[in-house]
C-alpha cells in the first residue's frame, strides 16, 4: 500500500502583467473549491476598476505596508512597479496542515524569496502567447497610459527571461486549455516519490506462502481462495 502525505502543497503562480494569471486562478478555484485556497496578497497600489478588497488584494497604504513589514507580518514581500506586494503569513500553515493546496499569486522576485524559504513548493510560470498579444492585453485594460504600459512591457520582457527558475511553464493561449494543464501539473505533483509518506506490503510472509502453495486466483481478485 502507498500512502501519500496528507499535507497540502504551496503552489506559486507568477506571470508578466497582462498574461492573464488572475483569470486562470479564478477558474482553478471555481473548479477545485475543496482542495485549493488562494492566499490573498497585500499591495500598496490602488485598486483597479472592478477589483475588490480581500478578493483581488488586501489594499494598504504605503505607510501601512511598511508598518507591517516591521511587524514581520509577511512571509515575503517585494517592490514592483513602484508598489509593494507581500504574502501574509496568516492561515497558510493552517490550510497546508488541513491537506489543502495553497496558491500564492506573486511576482517573480517574491517567488524567488519563497523558493529560498520553501524550495519544495511548486512553481508555475504563466506565459502570454506572444509579446504582441501581451501589449494588446495591457492596452485593452484601459487603466494605464502609454508610458506605464511601456514600463510594464519592459518589465515583462525581463521577467520572461526568468522562466527557467520555475518548475513548469504554461502558455495562456486559451483559458480552459491553460487551466487544464495546471490542474494536470498539480495532480502529477501529488504522485511524486518525495510526497509518499510510506510504502509497504500489506501481505504477511505466511500469507504469501499460503497463496503460492494453495491459492487459486480468478477474476474475483488476487488472493481470494476458490472454494
Protein backbone atom coordinates (compact mmCIF):
# COMPACT_ATOMS: atom_id res chain seq x y z
CA UNK A 1 0.00 0.00 0.00
CA UNK A 2 1.18 3.53 -0.79
CA UNK A 3 0.18 6.42 1.42
CA UNK A 4 0.63 9.98 0.17
CA UNK A 5 1.38 12.82 2.53
CA UNK A 6 -1.85 14.39 3.71
CA UNK A 7 -0.42 17.88 3.88
CA UNK A 8 -1.16 20.34 1.12
CA UNK A 9 1.46 21.99 -1.04
CA UNK A 10 2.29 25.59 -1.79
CA UNK A 11 1.74 26.48 -5.45
CA UNK A 12 3.44 29.67 -6.60
CA UNK A 13 1.96 31.15 -9.78
CA UNK A 14 3.69 34.08 -11.48
CA UNK A 15 3.28 35.83 -14.81
CA UNK A 16 4.06 39.11 -16.54
CA UNK A 17 1.42 41.77 -16.11
CA UNK A 18 -1.28 41.12 -18.74
CA UNK A 19 -0.61 37.39 -19.15
CA UNK A 20 -3.95 36.53 -17.53
CA UNK A 21 -2.91 34.74 -14.34
CA UNK A 22 -5.75 36.31 -12.35
CA UNK A 23 -8.36 34.84 -14.69
CA UNK A 24 -6.65 31.45 -14.68
CA UNK A 25 -6.53 31.35 -10.88
CA UNK A 26 -10.21 32.31 -10.70
CA UNK A 27 -11.10 29.29 -12.86
CA UNK A 28 -8.81 27.00 -10.85
CA UNK A 29 -10.54 27.99 -7.62
CA UNK A 30 -14.00 27.53 -9.13
CA UNK A 31 -13.08 24.04 -10.35
CA UNK A 32 -11.37 22.93 -7.11
CA UNK A 33 -13.27 24.61 -4.27
CA UNK A 34 -12.41 21.98 -1.65
CA UNK A 35 -8.77 21.37 -2.48
CA UNK A 36 -7.40 24.81 -3.42
CA UNK A 37 -7.19 28.04 -1.44
CA UNK A 38 -5.83 31.38 -2.60
CA UNK A 39 -3.68 33.34 -0.20
CA UNK A 40 -4.69 36.92 -0.95
CA UNK A 41 -1.64 39.12 -1.31
CA UNK A 42 -1.35 42.62 0.09
CA UNK A 43 -0.36 45.60 -2.04
CA UNK A 44 0.21 49.30 -1.68
CA UNK A 45 -1.14 50.04 -5.18
CA UNK A 46 -4.61 51.46 -5.71
CA UNK A 47 -7.40 49.05 -6.73
CA UNK A 48 -8.16 48.82 -10.44
CA UNK A 49 -11.73 49.11 -11.68
CA UNK A 50 -13.71 46.01 -10.70
CA UNK A 51 -11.19 44.77 -8.11
CA UNK A 52 -12.44 44.03 -4.62
CA UNK A 53 -10.82 44.25 -1.21
CA UNK A 54 -9.96 40.81 0.18
CA UNK A 55 -10.63 39.08 -3.14
CA UNK A 56 -8.09 40.52 -5.56
CA UNK A 57 -5.77 42.02 -2.93
CA UNK A 58 -5.70 43.44 0.56
CA UNK A 59 -5.12 47.11 -0.20
CA UNK A 60 -2.84 49.04 2.15
CA UNK A 61 -1.31 52.48 2.03
CA UNK A 62 2.46 52.64 1.63
CA UNK A 63 2.75 53.64 5.29
CA UNK A 64 0.55 50.74 6.45
CA UNK A 65 2.54 48.28 4.36
CA UNK A 66 5.89 49.47 5.73
CA UNK A 67 4.50 49.27 9.28
CA UNK A 68 3.54 45.60 8.73
CA UNK A 69 6.97 44.85 7.30
CA UNK A 70 8.43 45.94 10.63
CA UNK A 71 5.89 43.77 12.45
CA UNK A 72 7.07 40.65 10.49
CA UNK A 73 3.56 40.26 9.09
CA UNK A 74 4.67 38.93 5.69
CA UNK A 75 6.11 35.59 4.62
CA UNK A 76 7.80 37.56 1.84
CA UNK A 77 7.42 40.96 0.21
CA UNK A 78 8.85 42.87 -2.71
CA UNK A 79 8.56 46.18 -4.54
CA UNK A 80 7.36 46.08 -8.15
CA UNK A 81 6.47 48.99 -10.46
CA UNK A 82 6.84 51.40 -7.52
CA UNK A 83 4.37 49.48 -5.35
CA UNK A 84 4.79 46.97 -2.53
CA UNK A 85 3.44 43.42 -2.80
CA UNK A 86 3.55 40.88 0.02
CA UNK A 87 2.32 37.47 1.17
CA UNK A 88 0.70 37.49 4.64
CA UNK A 89 1.64 34.51 6.83
CA UNK A 90 -1.85 34.22 8.29
CA UNK A 91 -3.77 31.00 7.54
CA UNK A 92 -1.17 29.49 5.16
CA UNK A 93 0.22 26.93 7.62
CA UNK A 94 -3.29 26.08 8.83
CA UNK A 95 -4.53 25.31 5.31
CA UNK A 96 -1.44 23.22 4.46
CA UNK A 97 -1.92 21.11 7.59
CA UNK A 98 -5.55 20.51 6.57
CA UNK A 99 -4.33 18.99 3.29
CA UNK A 100 -5.42 21.98 1.22
CA UNK A 101 -3.13 23.30 -1.52
CA UNK A 102 -2.35 27.00 -1.16
CA UNK A 103 -1.92 29.19 -4.24
CA UNK A 104 0.39 32.18 -3.95
CA UNK A 105 -0.16 34.65 -6.80
CA UNK A 106 3.05 36.64 -6.64
CA UNK A 107 5.63 38.46 -8.72
CA UNK A 108 8.94 36.86 -9.71
CA UNK A 109 11.08 38.48 -7.04
CA UNK A 110 8.60 37.38 -4.38
CA UNK A 111 8.51 33.89 -5.89
CA UNK A 112 12.29 33.62 -5.63
CA UNK A 113 12.05 34.70 -1.98
CA UNK A 114 9.58 31.86 -1.42
CA UNK A 115 11.92 29.46 -3.23
CA UNK A 116 14.67 30.25 -0.72
CA UNK A 117 12.29 29.69 2.20
CA UNK A 118 10.30 26.74 0.78
CA UNK A 119 12.29 25.09 -2.05
CA UNK A 120 9.86 22.14 -2.21
CA UNK A 121 6.99 24.43 -3.30
CA UNK A 122 5.57 24.09 -6.82
CA UNK A 123 6.48 26.99 -9.12
CA UNK A 124 4.39 27.64 -12.26
CA UNK A 125 5.01 30.47 -14.74
CA UNK A 126 2.19 31.72 -16.99
CA UNK A 127 3.41 32.89 -20.39
CA UNK A 128 1.50 35.07 -22.86
CA UNK A 129 1.15 33.54 -26.35
CA UNK A 130 3.26 36.37 -27.80
CA UNK A 131 4.68 39.78 -26.84
CA UNK A 132 2.32 41.37 -29.38
CA UNK A 133 -0.64 39.79 -27.62
CA UNK A 134 0.73 40.96 -24.26
CA UNK A 135 0.78 44.61 -25.44
CA UNK A 136 -2.76 44.21 -26.77
CA UNK A 137 -4.00 42.90 -23.39
CA UNK A 138 -2.27 45.70 -21.49
CA UNK A 139 -3.87 48.33 -23.73
CA UNK A 140 -7.31 46.68 -23.54
CA UNK A 141 -7.31 47.14 -19.76
CA UNK A 142 -7.67 50.88 -20.26
CA UNK A 143 -6.30 51.52 -16.77
CA UNK A 144 -2.85 52.91 -17.62
CA UNK A 145 -1.37 55.46 -20.02
CA UNK A 146 1.11 54.55 -22.76
CA UNK A 147 4.12 55.42 -20.62
CA UNK A 148 3.07 52.99 -17.88
CA UNK A 149 2.20 50.32 -20.45
CA UNK A 150 5.68 50.67 -21.96
CA UNK A 151 7.21 50.30 -18.49
CA UNK A 152 5.18 47.16 -17.80
CA UNK A 153 6.14 45.74 -21.20
CA UNK A 154 9.86 46.17 -20.50
CA UNK A 155 9.41 44.61 -17.06
CA UNK A 156 7.52 41.68 -18.64
CA UNK A 157 10.33 41.15 -21.14
CA UNK A 158 12.84 40.85 -18.30
CA UNK A 159 10.53 38.58 -16.30
CA UNK A 160 10.07 36.10 -19.13
CA UNK A 161 13.83 35.52 -19.11
CA UNK A 162 13.46 34.22 -15.53
CA UNK A 163 11.19 31.33 -16.57
CA UNK A 164 13.96 28.72 -16.13
CA UNK A 165 13.78 29.28 -12.36
CA UNK A 166 10.30 27.74 -12.33
CA UNK A 167 9.26 24.06 -12.41
CA UNK A 168 6.67 24.46 -15.16
CA UNK A 169 5.63 26.96 -17.83
CA UNK A 170 2.08 27.20 -19.22
CA UNK A 171 1.23 29.34 -22.25
CA UNK A 172 -2.08 31.13 -21.79
CA UNK A 173 -3.29 30.97 -25.37
CA UNK A 174 -6.78 29.83 -24.34
CA UNK A 175 -8.08 29.95 -20.77
CA UNK A 176 -9.65 26.46 -20.45
CA UNK A 177 -6.59 24.85 -22.02
CA UNK A 178 -4.24 26.65 -19.63
CA UNK A 179 -6.39 25.75 -16.61
CA UNK A 180 -6.48 22.07 -17.62
CA UNK A 181 -2.70 21.99 -17.92
CA UNK A 182 -2.20 23.49 -14.46
CA UNK A 183 -4.69 21.04 -12.92
CA UNK A 184 -2.76 18.18 -14.56
CA UNK A 185 0.52 19.54 -13.15
CA UNK A 186 -0.94 19.70 -9.63
CA UNK A 187 -2.24 16.12 -9.88
CA UNK A 188 1.11 14.87 -11.19
CA UNK A 189 2.94 16.55 -8.30
CA UNK A 190 0.80 14.57 -5.84
CA UNK A 191 2.33 11.39 -7.28
CA UNK A 192 5.95 12.43 -6.79
CA UNK A 193 8.03 9.90 -4.86
CA UNK A 194 9.14 12.54 -2.36
CA UNK A 195 5.48 13.12 -1.42
CA UNK A 196 4.93 9.48 -0.49
CA UNK A 197 4.74 9.02 3.27
CA UNK A 198 5.32 5.29 3.38
CA UNK A 199 5.41 2.30 1.08
CA UNK A 200 4.80 -1.18 2.44
CA UNK A 201 3.38 -4.56 1.53
CA UNK A 202 0.19 -5.40 3.39
CA UNK A 203 0.59 -9.17 2.88
CA UNK A 204 2.48 -11.13 5.55
CA UNK A 205 5.15 -13.75 4.74
CA UNK A 206 2.99 -16.69 5.85
CA UNK A 207 0.08 -15.44 3.74
CA UNK A 208 2.35 -15.24 0.69
CA UNK A 209 3.45 -18.84 1.28
CA UNK A 210 -0.17 -19.99 1.59
CA UNK A 211 -1.12 -18.23 -1.63
CA UNK A 212 1.77 -19.75 -3.55
CA UNK A 213 1.14 -23.28 -2.29
CA UNK A 214 -2.66 -23.43 -2.16
CA UNK A 215 -4.15 -20.25 -3.52
CA UNK A 216 -6.25 -20.13 -6.64
CA UNK A 217 -6.74 -16.85 -8.47
CA UNK A 218 -9.66 -15.86 -10.60
CA UNK A 219 -11.28 -12.62 -11.67
CA UNK A 220 -12.62 -12.08 -8.16
CA UNK A 221 -9.23 -10.63 -7.21
CA UNK A 222 -5.75 -11.70 -6.25
CA UNK A 223 -5.60 -13.63 -3.02
CA UNK A 224 -9.21 -14.80 -2.96
CA UNK A 225 -9.29 -18.55 -2.40
CA UNK A 226 -11.64 -20.63 -4.53
CA UNK A 227 -13.91 -22.94 -2.58
